[in-house]
Amino acid sequence: MKRKRRIDAVLLFLFCSLAFAGFLSSHAAAEKVRTAIPQANLNYLSIYVTEAKGFFRAESIEHKTVVIVGPTATAALLSGDVDYSGAGGSGMRAATKGAPIKAIMFQTERVTFYLVTEPTK
C-alpha cells in the first residue's frame, strides 16, 4: 500500500513537472530553475528521477537542485535565490505569518509528522 502511494506521488510530481515544463517550453532559451530541498533523501526522489531521465532538459529547462535546510530555504525562496522549495513545513509557517508563498503540490497523501500532547487540566 505504501509503495503504491509512493509511486502515485512520483507520478503526480512527474505529471506536474511535465505540465510546468510544457508551459515554459514556449520560450526559445532554456529557462533556469532552482529547487531547494531540505535533505537529499527518498522524499525528493522524484526530482532526481526527473533530472536523470532528462525531462527538464527535453523541455528546455536548466534545472538545479540545491540542498538547503527549511527556514533558510524559505528565506532563499522569498529573496528569489531559488524558484521552488520542498520545505513544506517551514514554507507554510511563513505563509501563515504573511509571507507571499503558495503551496502548489505535496508529494505525500498525508502529513509525515504529527504533534501529540496531553489534554490540559
PDB file of N, CA and C in Angstrom:
ATOM      1  N   MET A   1       0.822  -1.186   0.000  1.00  0.00           N
ATOM      2  CA  MET A   1       0.000   0.000   0.000  1.00  0.00           C
ATOM      3  C   MET A   1       0.873   1.259   0.000  1.00  0.00           C
ATOM      4  N   LYS A   2       1.927   1.266   0.860  1.00  0.00           N
ATOM      5  CA  LYS A   2       2.814   2.431   0.913  1.00  0.00           C
ATOM      6  C   LYS A   2       3.561   2.593  -0.400  1.00  0.00           C
ATOM      7  N   ARG A   3       3.928   1.466  -1.017  1.00  0.00           N
ATOM      8  CA  ARG A   3       4.655   1.535  -2.281  1.00  0.00           C
ATOM      9  C   ARG A   3       3.772   2.160  -3.352  1.00  0.00           C
ATOM     10  N   LYS A   4       2.502   1.794  -3.388  1.00  0.00           N
ATOM     11  CA  LYS A   4       1.578   2.367  -4.366  1.00  0.00           C
ATOM     12  C   LYS A   4       1.445   3.871  -4.152  1.00  0.00           C
ATOM     13  N   ARG A   5       1.347   4.310  -2.906  1.00  0.00           N
ATOM     14  CA  ARG A   5       1.256   5.742  -2.612  1.00  0.00           C
ATOM     15  C   ARG A   5       2.495   6.476  -3.088  1.00  0.00           C
ATOM     16  N   ARG A   6       3.653   5.867  -2.859  1.00  0.00           N
ATOM     17  CA  ARG A   6       4.906   6.496  -3.267  1.00  0.00           C
ATOM     18  C   ARG A   6       4.971   6.593  -4.784  1.00  0.00           C
ATOM     19  N   ILE A   7       4.572   5.522  -5.468  1.00  0.00           N
ATOM     20  CA  ILE A   7       4.559   5.538  -6.927  1.00  0.00           C
ATOM     21  C   ILE A   7       3.584   6.597  -7.423  1.00  0.00           C
ATOM     22  N   ASP A   8       2.400   6.687  -6.790  1.00  0.00           N
ATOM     23  CA  ASP A   8       1.417   7.707  -7.162  1.00  0.00           C
ATOM     24  C   ASP A   8       1.992   9.103  -6.971  1.00  0.00           C
ATOM     25  N   ALA A   9       2.714   9.307  -5.879  1.00  0.00           N
ATOM     26  CA  ALA A   9       3.306  10.620  -5.604  1.00  0.00           C
ATOM     27  C   ALA A   9       4.357  10.971  -6.658  1.00  0.00           C
ATOM     28  N   VAL A  10       5.184   9.995  -7.023  1.00  0.00           N
ATOM     29  CA  VAL A  10       6.212  10.229  -8.039  1.00  0.00           C
ATOM     30  C   VAL A  10       5.561  10.550  -9.378  1.00  0.00           C
ATOM     31  N   LEU A  11       4.541   9.785  -9.733  1.00  0.00           N
ATOM     32  CA  LEU A  11       3.853  10.038 -10.998  1.00  0.00           C
ATOM     33  C   LEU A  11       3.184  11.410 -11.002  1.00  0.00           C
ATOM     34  N   LEU A  12       2.593  11.796  -9.873  1.00  0.00           N
ATOM     35  CA  LEU A  12       1.975  13.110  -9.778  1.00  0.00           C
ATOM     36  C   LEU A  12       3.021  14.205  -9.959  1.00  0.00           C
ATOM     37  N   PHE A  13       4.172  14.036  -9.313  1.00  0.00           N
ATOM     38  CA  PHE A  13       5.224  15.038  -9.452  1.00  0.00           C
ATOM     39  C   PHE A  13       5.707  15.122 -10.896  1.00  0.00           C
ATOM     40  N   LEU A  14       5.897  13.959 -11.524  1.00  0.00           N
ATOM     41  CA  LEU A  14       6.347  13.971 -12.913  1.00  0.00           C
ATOM     42  C   LEU A  14       5.317  14.629 -13.823  1.00  0.00           C
ATOM     43  N   PHE A  15       4.047  14.335 -13.606  1.00  0.00           N
ATOM     44  CA  PHE A  15       2.996  14.962 -14.402  1.00  0.00           C
ATOM     45  C   PHE A  15       3.028  16.471 -14.225  1.00  0.00           C
ATOM     46  N   CYS A  16       3.105  16.931 -12.966  1.00  0.00           N
ATOM     47  CA  CYS A  16       3.153  18.369 -12.705  1.00  0.00           C
ATOM     48  C   CYS A  16       4.414  18.990 -13.308  1.00  0.00           C
ATOM     49  N   SER A  17       5.524  18.278 -13.213  1.00  0.00           N
ATOM     50  CA  SER A  17       6.771  18.782 -13.786  1.00  0.00           C
ATOM     51  C   SER A  17       6.653  18.927 -15.294  1.00  0.00           C
ATOM     52  N   LEU A  18       6.070  17.921 -15.937  1.00  0.00           N
ATOM     53  CA  LEU A  18       5.927  17.982 -17.387  1.00  0.00           C
ATOM     54  C   LEU A  18       4.946  19.067 -17.805  1.00  0.00           C
ATOM     55  N   ALA A  19       3.868  19.230 -17.040  1.00  0.00           N
ATOM     56  CA  ALA A  19       2.911  20.293 -17.350  1.00  0.00           C
ATOM     57  C   ALA A  19       3.581  21.655 -17.208  1.00  0.00           C
ATOM     58  N   PHE A  20       4.352  21.824 -16.138  1.00  0.00           N
ATOM     59  CA  PHE A  20       5.091  23.067 -15.915  1.00  0.00           C
ATOM     60  C   PHE A  20       6.128  23.254 -17.013  1.00  0.00           C
ATOM     61  N   ALA A  21       6.804  22.173 -17.377  1.00  0.00           N
ATOM     62  CA  ALA A  21       7.813  22.241 -18.430  1.00  0.00           C
ATOM     63  C   ALA A  21       7.178  22.607 -19.765  1.00  0.00           C
ATOM     64  N   GLY A  22       6.009  22.082 -20.054  1.00  0.00           N
ATOM     65  CA  GLY A  22       5.305  22.414 -21.286  1.00  0.00           C
ATOM     66  C   GLY A  22       4.973  23.891 -21.346  1.00  0.00           C
ATOM     67  N   PHE A  23       4.610  24.458 -20.214  1.00  0.00           N
ATOM     68  CA  PHE A  23       4.316  25.889 -20.149  1.00  0.00           C
ATOM     69  C   PHE A  23       5.565  26.700 -20.457  1.00  0.00           C
ATOM     70  N   LEU A  24       6.694  26.270 -19.898  1.00  0.00           N
ATOM     71  CA  LEU A  24       7.939  27.009 -20.103  1.00  0.00           C
ATOM     72  C   LEU A  24       8.563  26.774 -21.470  1.00  0.00           C
ATOM     73  N   SER A  25       8.211  25.675 -22.145  1.00  0.00           N
ATOM     74  CA  SER A  25       8.871  25.335 -23.396  1.00  0.00           C
ATOM     75  C   SER A  25       8.549  26.310 -24.522  1.00  0.00           C
ATOM     76  N   SER A  26       7.558  27.176 -24.319  1.00  0.00           N
ATOM     77  CA  SER A  26       7.238  28.150 -25.352  1.00  0.00           C
ATOM     78  C   SER A  26       8.330  29.216 -25.472  1.00  0.00           C
ATOM     79  N   HIS A  27       9.201  29.322 -24.485  1.00  0.00           N
ATOM     80  CA  HIS A  27      10.319  30.260 -24.540  1.00  0.00           C
ATOM     81  C   HIS A  27      11.463  29.631 -25.337  1.00  0.00           C
ATOM     82  N   ALA A  28      12.149  30.445 -26.138  1.00  0.00           N
ATOM     83  CA  ALA A  28      13.201  29.929 -27.007  1.00  0.00           C
ATOM     84  C   ALA A  28      14.419  29.476 -26.211  1.00  0.00           C
ATOM     85  N   ALA A  29      14.870  30.272 -25.245  1.00  0.00           N
ATOM     86  CA  ALA A  29      16.059  29.938 -24.463  1.00  0.00           C
ATOM     87  C   ALA A  29      15.673  29.037 -23.290  1.00  0.00           C
ATOM     88  N   ALA A  30      16.654  28.284 -22.804  1.00  0.00           N
ATOM     89  CA  ALA A  30      16.402  27.414 -21.656  1.00  0.00           C
ATOM     90  C   ALA A  30      16.115  28.262 -20.423  1.00  0.00           C
ATOM     91  N   GLU A  31      15.065  27.910 -19.743  1.00  0.00           N
ATOM     92  CA  GLU A  31      14.685  28.606 -18.516  1.00  0.00           C
ATOM     93  C   GLU A  31      15.494  28.014 -17.366  1.00  0.00           C
ATOM     94  N   LYS A  32      16.090  28.862 -16.557  1.00  0.00           N
ATOM     95  CA  LYS A  32      16.849  28.390 -15.404  1.00  0.00           C
ATOM     96  C   LYS A  32      15.922  28.312 -14.204  1.00  0.00           C
ATOM     97  N   VAL A  33      15.865  27.136 -13.594  1.00  0.00           N
ATOM     98  CA  VAL A  33      15.002  26.901 -12.438  1.00  0.00           C
ATOM     99  C   VAL A  33      15.836  26.248 -11.350  1.00  0.00           C
ATOM    100  N   ARG A  34      15.754  26.810 -10.133  1.00  0.00           N
ATOM    101  CA  ARG A  34      16.459  26.238  -8.976  1.00  0.00           C
ATOM    102  C   ARG A  34      15.436  25.791  -7.951  1.00  0.00           C
ATOM    103  N   THR A  35      15.594  24.560  -7.490  1.00  0.00           N
ATOM    104  CA  THR A  35      14.703  23.995  -6.485  1.00  0.00           C
ATOM    105  C   THR A  35      15.507  23.670  -5.236  1.00  0.00           C
ATOM    106  N   ALA A  36      15.045  24.152  -4.100  1.00  0.00           N
ATOM    107  CA  ALA A  36      15.702  23.850  -2.820  1.00  0.00           C
ATOM    108  C   ALA A  36      14.956  22.707  -2.148  1.00  0.00           C
ATOM    109  N   ILE A  37      15.703  21.749  -1.637  1.00  0.00           N
ATOM    110  CA  ILE A  37      15.117  20.667  -0.847  1.00  0.00           C
ATOM    111  C   ILE A  37      15.855  20.616   0.483  1.00  0.00           C
ATOM    112  N   PRO A  38      15.153  20.251   1.583  1.00  0.00           N
ATOM    113  CA  PRO A  38      15.810  20.269   2.895  1.00  0.00           C
ATOM    114  C   PRO A  38      16.818  19.143   3.106  1.00  0.00           C
ATOM    115  N   GLN A  39      16.628  18.006   2.429  1.00  0.00           N
ATOM    116  CA  GLN A  39      17.546  16.880   2.566  1.00  0.00           C
ATOM    117  C   GLN A  39      17.553  16.100   1.260  1.00  0.00           C
ATOM    118  N   ALA A  40      18.674  15.495   0.942  1.00  0.00           N
ATOM    119  CA  ALA A  40      18.735  14.612  -0.225  1.00  0.00           C
ATOM    120  C   ALA A  40      18.336  13.215   0.243  1.00  0.00           C
ATOM    121  N   ASN A  41      17.030  12.951   0.288  1.00  0.00           N
ATOM    122  CA  ASN A  41      16.550  11.642   0.715  1.00  0.00           C
ATOM    123  C   ASN A  41      15.433  11.161  -0.200  1.00  0.00           C
ATOM    124  N   LEU A  42      14.829  10.027   0.123  1.00  0.00           N
ATOM    125  CA  LEU A  42      13.821   9.434  -0.749  1.00  0.00           C
ATOM    126  C   LEU A  42      12.566  10.279  -0.908  1.00  0.00           C
ATOM    127  N   ASN A  43      12.296  11.192   0.018  1.00  0.00           N
ATOM    128  CA  ASN A  43      11.125  12.055  -0.133  1.00  0.00           C
ATOM    129  C   ASN A  43      11.211  12.915  -1.386  1.00  0.00           C
ATOM    130  N   TYR A  44      12.409  13.157  -1.872  1.00  0.00           N
ATOM    131  CA  TYR A  44      12.620  14.018  -3.031  1.00  0.00           C
ATOM    132  C   TYR A  44      13.183  13.240  -4.221  1.00  0.00           C
ATOM    133  N   LEU A  45      12.978  11.934  -4.216  1.00  0.00           N
ATOM    134  CA  LEU A  45      13.475  11.077  -5.285  1.00  0.00           C
ATOM    135  C   LEU A  45      12.926  11.494  -6.643  1.00  0.00           C
ATOM    136  N   SER A  46      11.689  11.929  -6.676  1.00  0.00           N
ATOM    137  CA  SER A  46      11.070  12.283  -7.963  1.00  0.00           C
ATOM    138  C   SER A  46      11.825  13.402  -8.680  1.00  0.00           C
ATOM    139  N   ILE A  47      12.384  14.325  -7.930  1.00  0.00           N
ATOM    140  CA  ILE A  47      13.154  15.405  -8.560  1.00  0.00           C
ATOM    141  C   ILE A  47      14.407  14.843  -9.225  1.00  0.00           C
ATOM    142  N   TYR A  48      15.098  13.955  -8.516  1.00  0.00           N
ATOM    143  CA  TYR A  48      16.312  13.368  -9.074  1.00  0.00           C
ATOM    144  C   TYR A  48      16.001  12.478 -10.273  1.00  0.00           C
ATOM    145  N   VAL A  49      14.894  11.742 -10.224  1.00  0.00           N
ATOM    146  CA  VAL A  49      14.494  10.895 -11.353  1.00  0.00           C
ATOM    147  C   VAL A  49      14.168  11.769 -12.564  1.00  0.00           C
ATOM    148  N   THR A  50      13.439  12.859 -12.331  1.00  0.00           N
ATOM    149  CA  THR A  50      13.091  13.765 -13.420  1.00  0.00           C
ATOM    150  C   THR A  50      14.349  14.328 -14.079  1.00  0.00           C
ATOM    151  N   GLU A  51      15.333  14.684 -13.269  1.00  0.00           N
ATOM    152  CA  GLU A  51      16.596  15.181 -13.820  1.00  0.00           C
ATOM    153  C   GLU A  51      17.329  14.077 -14.582  1.00  0.00           C
ATOM    154  N   ALA A  52      17.429  12.887 -13.960  1.00  0.00           N
ATOM    155  CA  ALA A  52      18.176  11.782 -14.569  1.00  0.00           C
ATOM    156  C   ALA A  52      17.559  11.327 -15.887  1.00  0.00           C
ATOM    157  N   LYS A  53      16.258  11.340 -15.976  1.00  0.00           N
ATOM    158  CA  LYS A  53      15.579  10.924 -17.207  1.00  0.00           C
ATOM    159  C   LYS A  53      15.614  12.005 -18.284  1.00  0.00           C
ATOM    160  N   GLY A  54      16.079  13.200 -17.935  1.00  0.00           N
ATOM    161  CA  GLY A  54      16.215  14.269 -18.915  1.00  0.00           C
ATOM    162  C   GLY A  54      14.922  14.997 -19.240  1.00  0.00           C
ATOM    163  N   PHE A  55      13.913  14.877 -18.379  1.00  0.00           N
ATOM    164  CA  PHE A  55      12.632  15.527 -18.643  1.00  0.00           C
ATOM    165  C   PHE A  55      12.743  17.047 -18.635  1.00  0.00           C
ATOM    166  N   PHE A  56      13.539  17.586 -17.719  1.00  0.00           N
ATOM    167  CA  PHE A  56      13.725  19.036 -17.693  1.00  0.00           C
ATOM    168  C   PHE A  56      14.437  19.498 -18.969  1.00  0.00           C
ATOM    169  N   ARG A  57      15.514  18.813 -19.306  1.00  0.00           N
ATOM    170  CA  ARG A  57      16.310  19.165 -20.476  1.00  0.00           C
ATOM    171  C   ARG A  57      15.472  19.078 -21.755  1.00  0.00           C
ATOM    172  N   ALA A  58      14.629  18.066 -21.854  1.00  0.00           N
ATOM    173  CA  ALA A  58      13.781  17.893 -23.040  1.00  0.00           C
ATOM    174  C   ALA A  58      12.802  19.052 -23.215  1.00  0.00           C
ATOM    175  N   GLU A  59      12.493  19.724 -22.132  1.00  0.00           N
ATOM    176  CA  GLU A  59      11.557  20.852 -22.178  1.00  0.00           C
ATOM    177  C   GLU A  59      12.274  22.195 -22.086  1.00  0.00           C
ATOM    178  N   SER A  60      13.570  22.186 -22.351  1.00  0.00           N
ATOM    179  CA  SER A  60      14.397  23.406 -22.338  1.00  0.00           C
ATOM    180  C   SER A  60      14.420  24.083 -20.974  1.00  0.00           C
ATOM    181  N   ILE A  61      14.523  23.270 -19.943  1.00  0.00           N
ATOM    182  CA  ILE A  61      14.644  23.799 -18.587  1.00  0.00           C
ATOM    183  C   ILE A  61      16.016  23.405 -18.057  1.00  0.00           C
ATOM    184  N   GLU A  62      16.762  24.385 -17.638  1.00  0.00           N
ATOM    185  CA  GLU A  62      18.040  24.138 -16.993  1.00  0.00           C
ATOM    186  C   GLU A  62      17.768  24.101 -15.495  1.00  0.00           C
ATOM    187  N   HIS A  63      17.642  22.894 -14.955  1.00  0.00           N
ATOM    188  CA  HIS A  63      17.214  22.725 -13.559  1.00  0.00           C
ATOM    189  C   HIS A  63      18.391  22.385 -12.666  1.00  0.00           C
ATOM    190  N   LYS A  64      18.389  22.970 -11.483  1.00  0.00           N
ATOM    191  CA  LYS A  64      19.411  22.670 -10.481  1.00  0.00           C
ATOM    192  C   LYS A  64      18.721  22.458  -9.146  1.00  0.00           C
ATOM    193  N   THR A  65      19.083  21.384  -8.476  1.00  0.00           N
ATOM    194  CA  THR A  65      18.563  21.094  -7.147  1.00  0.00           C
ATOM    195  C   THR A  65      19.650  21.413  -6.132  1.00  0.00           C
ATOM    196  N   VAL A  66      19.295  22.188  -5.114  1.00  0.00           N
ATOM    197  CA  VAL A  66      20.239  22.517  -4.049  1.00  0.00           C
ATOM    198  C   VAL A  66      19.650  22.081  -2.713  1.00  0.00           C
ATOM    199  N   VAL A  67      20.497  21.586  -1.835  1.00  0.00           N
ATOM    200  CA  VAL A  67      20.055  21.161  -0.512  1.00  0.00           C
ATOM    201  C   VAL A  67      20.251  22.322   0.456  1.00  0.00           C
ATOM    202  N   ILE A  68      19.125  22.835   0.975  1.00  0.00           N
ATOM    203  CA  ILE A  68      19.136  23.947   1.932  1.00  0.00           C
ATOM    204  C   ILE A  68      18.102  23.619   3.001  1.00  0.00           C
ATOM    205  N   VAL A  69      18.456  23.726   4.261  1.00  0.00           N
ATOM    206  CA  VAL A  69      17.523  23.410   5.345  1.00  0.00           C
ATOM    207  C   VAL A  69      16.303  24.329   5.303  1.00  0.00           C
ATOM    208  N   GLY A  70      15.197  23.861   5.868  1.00  0.00           N
ATOM    209  CA  GLY A  70      13.897  24.510   5.787  1.00  0.00           C
ATOM    210  C   GLY A  70      13.822  26.018   5.933  1.00  0.00           C
ATOM    211  N   PRO A  71      14.127  26.584   7.100  1.00  0.00           N
ATOM    212  CA  PRO A  71      13.990  28.037   7.260  1.00  0.00           C
ATOM    213  C   PRO A  71      14.884  28.830   6.308  1.00  0.00           C
ATOM    214  N   THR A  72      16.076  28.345   6.042  1.00  0.00           N
ATOM    215  CA  THR A  72      16.973  29.019   5.117  1.00  0.00           C
ATOM    216  C   THR A  72      16.445  28.915   3.688  1.00  0.00           C
ATOM    217  N   ALA A  73      15.846  27.767   3.348  1.00  0.00           N
ATOM    218  CA  ALA A  73      15.251  27.593   2.020  1.00  0.00           C
ATOM    219  C   ALA A  73      14.085  28.557   1.825  1.00  0.00           C
ATOM    220  N   THR A  74      13.311  28.764   2.873  1.00  0.00           N
ATOM    221  CA  THR A  74      12.194  29.709   2.790  1.00  0.00           C
ATOM    222  C   THR A  74      12.722  31.125   2.573  1.00  0.00           C
ATOM    223  N   ALA A  75      13.787  31.481   3.265  1.00  0.00           N
ATOM    224  CA  ALA A  75      14.405  32.801   3.070  1.00  0.00           C
ATOM    225  C   ALA A  75      14.936  32.933   1.640  1.00  0.00           C
ATOM    226  N   ALA A  76      15.550  31.870   1.121  1.00  0.00           N
ATOM    227  CA  ALA A  76      16.061  31.895  -0.255  1.00  0.00           C
ATOM    228  C   ALA A  76      14.915  32.023  -1.258  1.00  0.00           C
ATOM    229  N   LEU A  77      13.806  31.382  -0.960  1.00  0.00           N
ATOM    230  CA  LEU A  77      12.628  31.478  -1.818  1.00  0.00           C
ATOM    231  C   LEU A  77      12.085  32.906  -1.829  1.00  0.00           C
ATOM    232  N   LEU A  78      11.981  33.497  -0.663  1.00  0.00           N
ATOM    233  CA  LEU A  78      11.464  34.863  -0.552  1.00  0.00           C
ATOM    234  C   LEU A  78      12.384  35.891  -1.217  1.00  0.00           C
ATOM    235  N   SER A  79      13.691  35.640  -1.182  1.00  0.00           N
ATOM    236  CA  SER A  79      14.642  36.583  -1.776  1.00  0.00           C
ATOM    237  C   SER A  79      14.816  36.363  -3.282  1.00  0.00           C
ATOM    238  N   GLY A  80      14.276  35.262  -3.797  1.00  0.00           N
ATOM    239  CA  GLY A  80      14.401  34.974  -5.220  1.00  0.00           C
ATOM    240  C   GLY A  80      15.636  34.184  -5.588  1.00  0.00           C
ATOM    241  N   ASP A  81      16.406  33.731  -4.592  1.00  0.00           N
ATOM    242  CA  ASP A  81      17.602  32.943  -4.882  1.00  0.00           C
ATOM    243  C   ASP A  81      17.262  31.538  -5.379  1.00  0.00           C
ATOM    244  N   VAL A  82      16.095  31.014  -5.006  1.00  0.00           N
ATOM    245  CA  VAL A  82      15.583  29.759  -5.550  1.00  0.00           C
ATOM    246  C   VAL A  82      14.153  30.007  -6.027  1.00  0.00           C
ATOM    247  N   ASP A  83      13.712  29.179  -6.950  1.00  0.00           N
ATOM    248  CA  ASP A  83      12.385  29.353  -7.533  1.00  0.00           C
ATOM    249  C   ASP A  83      11.316  28.517  -6.827  1.00  0.00           C
ATOM    250  N   TYR A  84      11.724  27.352  -6.310  1.00  0.00           N
ATOM    251  CA  TYR A  84      10.801  26.451  -5.629  1.00  0.00           C
ATOM    252  C   TYR A  84      11.501  25.880  -4.407  1.00  0.00           C
ATOM    253  N   SER A  85      10.707  25.466  -3.429  1.00  0.00           N
ATOM    254  CA  SER A  85      11.273  24.880  -2.216  1.00  0.00           C
ATOM    255  C   SER A  85      10.454  23.672  -1.801  1.00  0.00           C
ATOM    256  N   GLY A  86      11.148  22.651  -1.363  1.00  0.00           N
ATOM    257  CA  GLY A  86      10.490  21.457  -0.851  1.00  0.00           C
ATOM    258  C   GLY A  86      10.287  21.514   0.651  1.00  0.00           C
ATOM    259  N   ALA A  87      10.624  22.629   1.266  1.00  0.00           N
ATOM    260  CA  ALA A  87      10.482  22.782   2.714  1.00  0.00           C
ATOM    261  C   ALA A  87       9.038  23.181   3.039  1.00  0.00           C
ATOM    262  N   GLY A  88       8.147  22.224   2.962  1.00  0.00           N
ATOM    263  CA  GLY A  88       6.723  22.498   3.154  1.00  0.00           C
ATOM    264  C   GLY A  88       6.377  23.061   4.512  1.00  0.00           C
ATOM    265  N   GLY A  89       6.892  22.461   5.563  1.00  0.00           N
ATOM    266  CA  GLY A  89       6.573  22.917   6.912  1.00  0.00           C
ATOM    267  C   GLY A  89       7.023  24.345   7.160  1.00  0.00           C
ATOM    268  N   SER A  90       8.264  24.636   6.844  1.00  0.00           N
ATOM    269  CA  SER A  90       8.800  25.988   7.032  1.00  0.00           C
ATOM    270  C   SER A  90       8.076  26.986   6.145  1.00  0.00           C
ATOM    271  N   GLY A  91       7.806  26.579   4.920  1.00  0.00           N
ATOM    272  CA  GLY A  91       7.114  27.466   3.991  1.00  0.00           C
ATOM    273  C   GLY A  91       5.703  27.784   4.443  1.00  0.00           C
ATOM    274  N   MET A  92       4.983  26.776   4.920  1.00  0.00           N
ATOM    275  CA  MET A  92       3.609  27.005   5.365  1.00  0.00           C
ATOM    276  C   MET A  92       3.561  27.850   6.632  1.00  0.00           C
ATOM    277  N   ARG A  93       4.550  27.652   7.526  1.00  0.00           N
ATOM    278  CA  ARG A  93       4.613  28.514   8.718  1.00  0.00           C
ATOM    279  C   ARG A  93       4.831  29.963   8.310  1.00  0.00           C
ATOM    280  N   ALA A  94       5.713  30.188   7.333  1.00  0.00           N
ATOM    281  CA  ALA A  94       5.964  31.549   6.858  1.00  0.00           C
ATOM    282  C   ALA A  94       4.717  32.122   6.190  1.00  0.00           C
ATOM    283  N   ALA A  95       3.993  31.304   5.450  1.00  0.00           N
ATOM    284  CA  ALA A  95       2.778  31.763   4.777  1.00  0.00           C
ATOM    285  C   ALA A  95       1.705  32.170   5.780  1.00  0.00           C
ATOM    286  N   THR A  96       1.602  31.437   6.890  1.00  0.00           N
ATOM    287  CA  THR A  96       0.596  31.800   7.898  1.00  0.00           C
ATOM    288  C   THR A  96       0.950  33.111   8.594  1.00  0.00           C
ATOM    289  N   LYS A  97       2.214  33.492   8.514  1.00  0.00           N
ATOM    290  CA  LYS A  97       2.639  34.765   9.101  1.00  0.00           C
ATOM    291  C   LYS A  97       2.646  35.903   8.069  1.00  0.00           C
ATOM    292  N   GLY A  98       2.134  35.608   6.858  1.00  0.00           N
ATOM    293  CA  GLY A  98       2.002  36.658   5.861  1.00  0.00           C
ATOM    294  C   GLY A  98       2.981  36.639   4.705  1.00  0.00           C
ATOM    295  N   ALA A  99       3.892  35.677   4.667  1.00  0.00           N
ATOM    296  CA  ALA A  99       4.841  35.617   3.548  1.00  0.00           C
ATOM    297  C   ALA A  99       4.081  35.278   2.262  1.00  0.00           C
ATOM    298  N   PRO A 100       4.467  35.879   1.149  1.00  0.00           N
ATOM    299  CA  PRO A 100       3.766  35.627  -0.116  1.00  0.00           C
ATOM    300  C   PRO A 100       4.183  34.299  -0.757  1.00  0.00           C
ATOM    301  N   ILE A 101       3.823  33.202  -0.101  1.00  0.00           N
ATOM    302  CA  ILE A 101       4.192  31.855  -0.551  1.00  0.00           C
ATOM    303  C   ILE A 101       2.911  31.054  -0.767  1.00  0.00           C
ATOM    304  N   LYS A 102       2.903  30.249  -1.815  1.00  0.00           N
ATOM    305  CA  LYS A 102       1.765  29.361  -2.083  1.00  0.00           C
ATOM    306  C   LYS A 102       2.268  27.938  -2.197  1.00  0.00           C
ATOM    307  N   ALA A 103       1.501  27.006  -1.650  1.00  0.00           N
ATOM    308  CA  ALA A 103       1.791  25.590  -1.831  1.00  0.00           C
ATOM    309  C   ALA A 103       1.140  25.164  -3.142  1.00  0.00           C
ATOM    310  N   ILE A 104       1.934  24.586  -4.027  1.00  0.00           N
ATOM    311  CA  ILE A 104       1.373  24.148  -5.298  1.00  0.00           C
ATOM    312  C   ILE A 104       1.257  22.638  -5.380  1.00  0.00           C
ATOM    313  N   MET A 105       1.976  21.922  -4.522  1.00  0.00           N
ATOM    314  CA  MET A 105       1.920  20.470  -4.559  1.00  0.00           C
ATOM    315  C   MET A 105       2.610  19.883  -3.338  1.00  0.00           C
ATOM    316  N   PHE A 106       2.061  18.791  -2.847  1.00  0.00           N
ATOM    317  CA  PHE A 106       2.716  17.995  -1.821  1.00  0.00           C
ATOM    318  C   PHE A 106       2.908  16.604  -2.387  1.00  0.00           C
ATOM    319  N   GLN A 107       4.031  15.972  -2.100  1.00  0.00           N
ATOM    320  CA  GLN A 107       4.323  14.667  -2.670  1.00  0.00           C
ATOM    321  C   GLN A 107       3.751  13.521  -1.855  1.00  0.00           C
ATOM    322  N   THR A 108       3.176  13.804  -0.732  1.00  0.00           N
ATOM    323  CA  THR A 108       2.604  12.740   0.082  1.00  0.00           C
ATOM    324  C   THR A 108       1.112  12.970   0.252  1.00  0.00           C
ATOM    325  N   GLU A 109       0.401  11.887   0.441  1.00  0.00           N
ATOM    326  CA  GLU A 109      -1.043  11.961   0.596  1.00  0.00           C
ATOM    327  C   GLU A 109      -1.438  12.480   1.972  1.00  0.00           C
ATOM    328  N   ARG A 110      -0.627  12.157   2.954  1.00  0.00           N
ATOM    329  CA  ARG A 110      -0.888  12.589   4.327  1.00  0.00           C
ATOM    330  C   ARG A 110       0.376  13.210   4.908  1.00  0.00           C
ATOM    331  N   VAL A 111       0.208  13.926   6.004  1.00  0.00           N
ATOM    332  CA  VAL A 111       1.379  14.518   6.648  1.00  0.00           C
ATOM    333  C   VAL A 111       2.326  13.423   7.120  1.00  0.00           C
ATOM    334  N   THR A 112       3.602  13.754   7.194  1.00  0.00           N
ATOM    335  CA  THR A 112       4.592  12.767   7.605  1.00  0.00           C
ATOM    336  C   THR A 112       5.011  12.933   9.062  1.00  0.00           C
ATOM    337  N   PHE A 113       4.380  13.871   9.768  1.00  0.00           N
ATOM    338  CA  PHE A 113       4.676  14.049  11.182  1.00  0.00           C
ATOM    339  C   PHE A 113       3.414  14.518  11.892  1.00  0.00           C
ATOM    340  N   TYR A 114       3.351  14.286  13.176  1.00  0.00           N
ATOM    341  CA  TYR A 114       2.191  14.645  13.987  1.00  0.00           C
ATOM    342  C   TYR A 114       2.654  15.293  15.280  1.00  0.00           C
ATOM    343  N   LEU A 115       1.806  16.115  15.860  1.00  0.00           N
ATOM    344  CA  LEU A 115       2.053  16.697  17.165  1.00  0.00           C
ATOM    345  C   LEU A 115       1.079  16.041  18.129  1.00  0.00           C
ATOM    346  N   VAL A 116       1.614  15.405  19.158  1.00  0.00           N
ATOM    347  CA  VAL A 116       0.787  14.708  20.143  1.00  0.00           C
ATOM    348  C   VAL A 116       1.026  15.366  21.493  1.00  0.00           C
ATOM    349  N   THR A 117      -0.049  15.739  22.184  1.00  0.00           N
ATOM    350  CA  THR A 117       0.073  16.378  23.503  1.00  0.00           C
ATOM    351  C   THR A 117      -0.898  15.762  24.473  1.00  0.00           C
ATOM    352  N   GLU A 118      -0.732  16.107  25.734  1.00  0.00           N
ATOM    353  CA  GLU A 118      -1.687  15.696  26.776  1.00  0.00           C
ATOM    354  C   GLU A 118      -2.770  16.759  26.880  1.00  0.00           C
ATOM    355  N   PRO A 119      -3.990  16.343  27.229  1.00  0.00           N
ATOM    356  CA  PRO A 119      -5.034  17.341  27.444  1.00  0.00           C
ATOM    357  C   PRO A 119      -4.657  18.230  28.636  1.00  0.00           C
ATOM    358  N   THR A 120      -5.061  19.491  28.566  1.00  0.00           N
ATOM    359  CA  THR A 120      -4.800  20.390  29.696  1.00  0.00           C
ATOM    360  C   THR A 120      -5.774  20.087  30.826  1.00  0.00           C
ATOM    361  N   LYS A 121      -5.351  20.355  32.038  1.00  0.00           N
ATOM    362  CA  LYS A 121      -6.202  20.033  33.205  1.00  0.00           C
ATOM    363  C   LYS A 121      -6.970  21.237  33.657  1.00  0.00           C
TER     364      LYS A 121
END
